[in-house]
Amino acid sequence: MKTIGKLAKELNISIETIRFYERQGLIEQPLKPESGYRMYGDALTSQLKFILKAKALGFTLKEIESLMSLSDSCADIESMGLQKLNLIRNKIADLQRLEKVIQDMTDSCKANQDPQSCPVINSLK
């Protein structure tokens, strides 16, 4: 059992992040005893680690909430994972197209012989 400050330090997050997850309903705030501070146990620590790892993989808080509620349904989680994978692949394809456009634009600057005219600026007009 640990205080919110010790838990935040252990997980390298802020106290406000933990409170935010409590307000969002992702974790339950422990009861405050009359004599002191709320104490966070191993179960809440595990839930927070789960949330942080899922966020690092790009899941939204709404998706994480679903993942937490579907923890026993591998087929549902697989479906959600495949949807996320498809979204990531689409973003990668969009970024690769953007990379090509920007590369072509900067290449046109290298080939430009007119110091008074910039092909990149001209293409944006």
C-alpha atoms as a PDB file:
ATOM      1  CA  MET A   1       0.000   0.000   0.000  1.00  0.00           C
ATOM      2  CA  LYS A   2       1.277   3.440  -0.891  1.00  0.00           C
ATOM      3  CA  THR A   3       0.140   7.042  -0.990  1.00  0.00           C
ATOM      4  CA  ILE A   4      -0.774   8.717  -4.261  1.00  0.00           C
ATOM      5  CA  GLY A   5       2.528  10.620  -4.213  1.00  0.00           C
ATOM      6  CA  LYS A   6       4.607   7.467  -3.868  1.00  0.00           C
ATOM      7  CA  LEU A   7       2.538   5.714  -6.532  1.00  0.00           C
ATOM      8  CA  ALA A   8       2.949   8.634  -8.945  1.00  0.00           C
ATOM      9  CA  LYS A   9       6.694   8.674  -8.357  1.00  0.00           C
ATOM     10  CA  GLU A  10       6.954   4.894  -8.834  1.00  0.00           C
ATOM     11  CA  LEU A  11       5.112   5.094 -12.167  1.00  0.00           C
ATOM     12  CA  ASN A  12       6.838   8.316 -13.242  1.00  0.00           C
ATOM     13  CA  ILE A  13       3.554  10.186 -13.684  1.00  0.00           C
ATOM     14  CA  SER A  14       1.994  13.125 -11.909  1.00  0.00           C
ATOM     15  CA  ILE A  15      -0.519  12.944  -9.097  1.00  0.00           C
ATOM     16  CA  GLU A  16      -2.897  14.865 -11.370  1.00  0.00           C
ATOM     17  CA  THR A  17      -2.663  12.085 -13.960  1.00  0.00           C
ATOM     18  CA  ILE A  18      -3.841   9.570 -11.362  1.00  0.00           C
ATOM     19  CA  ARG A  19      -6.641  11.891 -10.259  1.00  0.00           C
ATOM     20  CA  PHE A  20      -7.630  12.374 -13.912  1.00  0.00           C
ATOM     21  CA  TYR A  21      -7.927   8.603 -14.418  1.00  0.00           C
ATOM     22  CA  GLU A  22     -10.048   8.478 -11.266  1.00  0.00           C
ATOM     23  CA  ARG A  23     -12.357  11.213 -12.595  1.00  0.00           C
ATOM     24  CA  GLN A  24     -12.610   9.399 -15.931  1.00  0.00           C
ATOM     25  CA  GLY A  25     -13.674   6.229 -14.135  1.00  0.00           C
ATOM     26  CA  LEU A  26     -10.706   4.176 -15.327  1.00  0.00           C
ATOM     27  CA  ILE A  27      -9.618   3.466 -11.764  1.00  0.00           C
ATOM     28  CA  GLU A  28     -11.483   3.681  -8.494  1.00  0.00           C
ATOM     29  CA  GLN A  29     -10.320   6.139  -5.894  1.00  0.00           C
ATOM     30  CA  PRO A  30      -9.617   4.395  -2.589  1.00  0.00           C
ATOM     31  CA  LEU A  31     -11.649   5.452   0.413  1.00  0.00           C
ATOM     32  CA  LYS A  32     -10.001   7.999   2.651  1.00  0.00           C
ATOM     33  CA  PRO A  33      -9.703   6.772   6.214  1.00  0.00           C
ATOM     34  CA  GLU A  34     -10.570   9.235   8.955  1.00  0.00           C
ATOM     35  CA  SER A  35      -7.032   9.128  10.250  1.00  0.00           C
ATOM     36  CA  GLY A  36      -5.025   9.917   7.146  1.00  0.00           C
ATOM     37  CA  TYR A  37      -4.272   9.471   3.485  1.00  0.00           C
ATOM     38  CA  ARG A  38      -5.813   7.264   0.838  1.00  0.00           C
ATOM     39  CA  MET A  39      -3.711   4.192   0.270  1.00  0.00           C
ATOM     40  CA  TYR A  40      -3.262   2.663  -3.178  1.00  0.00           C
ATOM     41  CA  GLY A  41      -2.784  -1.096  -3.335  1.00  0.00           C
ATOM     42  CA  ASP A  42      -1.239  -3.471  -5.833  1.00  0.00           C
ATOM     43  CA  ALA A  43      -4.483  -3.869  -7.817  1.00  0.00           C
ATOM     44  CA  LEU A  44      -4.675  -0.132  -8.538  1.00  0.00           C
ATOM     45  CA  THR A  45      -0.965  -0.075  -9.347  1.00  0.00           C
ATOM     46  CA  SER A  46      -1.526  -2.873 -11.876  1.00  0.00           C
ATOM     47  CA  GLN A  47      -4.489  -1.042 -13.407  1.00  0.00           C
ATOM     48  CA  LEU A  48      -2.429   2.118 -13.801  1.00  0.00           C
ATOM     49  CA  LYS A  49       0.431   0.185 -15.399  1.00  0.00           C
ATOM     50  CA  PHE A  50      -2.078  -1.356 -17.816  1.00  0.00           C
ATOM     51  CA  ILE A  51      -3.442   2.099 -18.708  1.00  0.00           C
ATOM     52  CA  LEU A  52       0.039   3.538 -19.249  1.00  0.00           C
ATOM     53  CA  LYS A  53       1.160   0.629 -21.444  1.00  0.00           C
ATOM     54  CA  ALA A  54      -2.041   0.810 -23.507  1.00  0.00           C
ATOM     55  CA  LYS A  55      -1.593   4.580 -23.943  1.00  0.00           C
ATOM     56  CA  ALA A  56       1.996   3.991 -25.087  1.00  0.00           C
ATOM     57  CA  LEU A  57       0.582   1.687 -27.784  1.00  0.00           C
ATOM     58  CA  GLY A  58      -1.679   4.482 -29.001  1.00  0.00           C
ATOM     59  CA  PHE A  59      -4.985   3.425 -27.485  1.00  0.00           C
ATOM     60  CA  THR A  60      -7.341   6.229 -26.469  1.00  0.00           C
ATOM     61  CA  LEU A  61      -8.771   6.376 -22.959  1.00  0.00           C
ATOM     62  CA  LYS A  62     -12.145   5.233 -24.307  1.00  0.00           C
ATOM     63  CA  GLU A  63     -10.462   2.268 -25.997  1.00  0.00           C
ATOM     64  CA  ILE A  64      -8.526   1.504 -22.810  1.00  0.00           C
ATOM     65  CA  GLU A  65     -11.766   1.512 -20.852  1.00  0.00           C
ATOM     66  CA  SER A  66     -13.146  -1.024 -23.329  1.00  0.00           C
ATOM     67  CA  LEU A  67      -9.980  -3.128 -23.115  1.00  0.00           C
ATOM     68  CA  MET A  68     -10.246  -3.182 -19.341  1.00  0.00           C
ATOM     69  CA  SER A  69     -13.882  -4.280 -19.460  1.00  0.00           C
ATOM     70  CA  LEU A  70     -13.217  -6.918 -22.136  1.00  0.00           C
ATOM     71  CA  SER A  71     -10.245  -8.469 -20.385  1.00  0.00           C
ATOM     72  CA  ASP A  72     -11.704 -11.978 -20.644  1.00  0.00           C
ATOM     73  CA  SER A  73     -12.879 -11.818 -24.259  1.00  0.00           C
ATOM     74  CA  CYS A  74      -9.877 -12.424 -26.480  1.00  0.00           C
ATOM     75  CA  ALA A  75     -11.960 -12.322 -29.683  1.00  0.00           C
ATOM     76  CA  ASP A  76     -13.273  -8.840 -28.842  1.00  0.00           C
ATOM     77  CA  ILE A  77      -9.786  -7.638 -27.942  1.00  0.00           C
ATOM     78  CA  GLU A  78      -8.392  -9.098 -31.167  1.00  0.00           C
ATOM     79  CA  SER A  79     -11.056  -7.203 -33.121  1.00  0.00           C
ATOM     80  CA  MET A  80     -10.203  -3.969 -31.339  1.00  0.00           C
ATOM     81  CA  GLY A  81      -6.490  -4.568 -31.933  1.00  0.00           C
ATOM     82  CA  LEU A  82      -7.055  -5.172 -35.641  1.00  0.00           C
ATOM     83  CA  GLN A  83      -9.058  -1.942 -35.907  1.00  0.00           C
ATOM     84  CA  LYS A  84      -6.232  -0.044 -34.195  1.00  0.00           C
ATOM     85  CA  LEU A  85      -3.671  -1.717 -36.468  1.00  0.00           C
ATOM     86  CA  ASN A  86      -5.663  -0.673 -39.549  1.00  0.00           C
ATOM     87  CA  LEU A  87      -5.834   2.907 -38.277  1.00  0.00           C
ATOM     88  CA  ILE A  88      -2.059   2.930 -37.673  1.00  0.00           C
ATOM     89  CA  ARG A  89      -1.359   1.549 -41.147  1.00  0.00           C
ATOM     90  CA  ASN A  90      -3.551   4.253 -42.694  1.00  0.00           C
ATOM     91  CA  LYS A  91      -1.687   6.938 -40.743  1.00  0.00           C
ATOM     92  CA  ILE A  92       1.652   5.507 -41.880  1.00  0.00           C
ATOM     93  CA  ALA A  93       0.477   5.551 -45.514  1.00  0.00           C
ATOM     94  CA  ASP A  94      -0.675   9.175 -45.116  1.00  0.00           C
ATOM     95  CA  LEU A  95       2.671  10.143 -43.585  1.00  0.00           C
ATOM     96  CA  GLN A  96       4.580   8.389 -46.388  1.00  0.00           C
ATOM     97  CA  ARG A  97       2.552  10.341 -48.989  1.00  0.00           C
ATOM     98  CA  LEU A  98       3.253  13.562 -47.103  1.00  0.00           C
ATOM     99  CA  GLU A  99       6.952  12.673 -46.902  1.00  0.00           C
ATOM    100  CA  LYS A 100       7.088  12.232 -50.688  1.00  0.00           C
ATOM    101  CA  VAL A 101       5.365  15.546 -51.354  1.00  0.00           C
ATOM    102  CA  ILE A 102       7.683  17.421 -48.985  1.00  0.00           C
ATOM    103  CA  GLN A 103      10.733  15.643 -50.417  1.00  0.00           C
ATOM    104  CA  ASP A 104       9.683  16.570 -53.965  1.00  0.00           C
ATOM    105  CA  MET A 105       9.146  20.167 -52.887  1.00  0.00           C
ATOM    106  CA  THR A 106      12.556  20.461 -51.249  1.00  0.00           C
ATOM    107  CA  ASP A 107      14.198  18.722 -54.218  1.00  0.00           C
ATOM    108  CA  SER A 108      12.684  21.380 -56.456  1.00  0.00           C
ATOM    109  CA  CYS A 109      14.441  23.999 -54.300  1.00  0.00           C
ATOM    110  CA  LYS A 110      17.798  22.351 -54.954  1.00  0.00           C
ATOM    111  CA  ALA A 111      17.182  22.411 -58.697  1.00  0.00           C
ATOM    112  CA  ASN A 112      15.907  26.003 -58.669  1.00  0.00           C
ATOM    113  CA  GLN A 113      18.114  28.457 -60.587  1.00  0.00           C
ATOM    114  CA  ASP A 114      16.065  31.590 -59.788  1.00  0.00           C
ATOM    115  CA  PRO A 115      17.034  33.049 -56.386  1.00  0.00           C
ATOM    116  CA  GLN A 116      14.042  35.426 -56.565  1.00  0.00           C
ATOM    117  CA  SER A 117      11.492  32.630 -56.836  1.00  0.00           C
ATOM    118  CA  CYS A 118      10.948  29.673 -54.541  1.00  0.00           C
ATOM    119  CA  PRO A 119       9.130  26.663 -56.010  1.00  0.00           C
ATOM    120  CA  VAL A 120       7.838  25.642 -52.584  1.00  0.00           C
ATOM    121  CA  ILE A 121       6.309  29.048 -51.920  1.00  0.00           C
ATOM    122  CA  ASN A 122       4.932  29.168 -55.449  1.00  0.00           C
ATOM    123  CA  SER A 123       3.270  25.762 -55.042  1.00  0.00           C
ATOM    124  CA  LEU A 124       1.591  26.905 -51.841  1.00  0.00           C
ATOM    125  CA  LYS A 125       0.106  30.049 -53.372  1.00  0.00           C
END
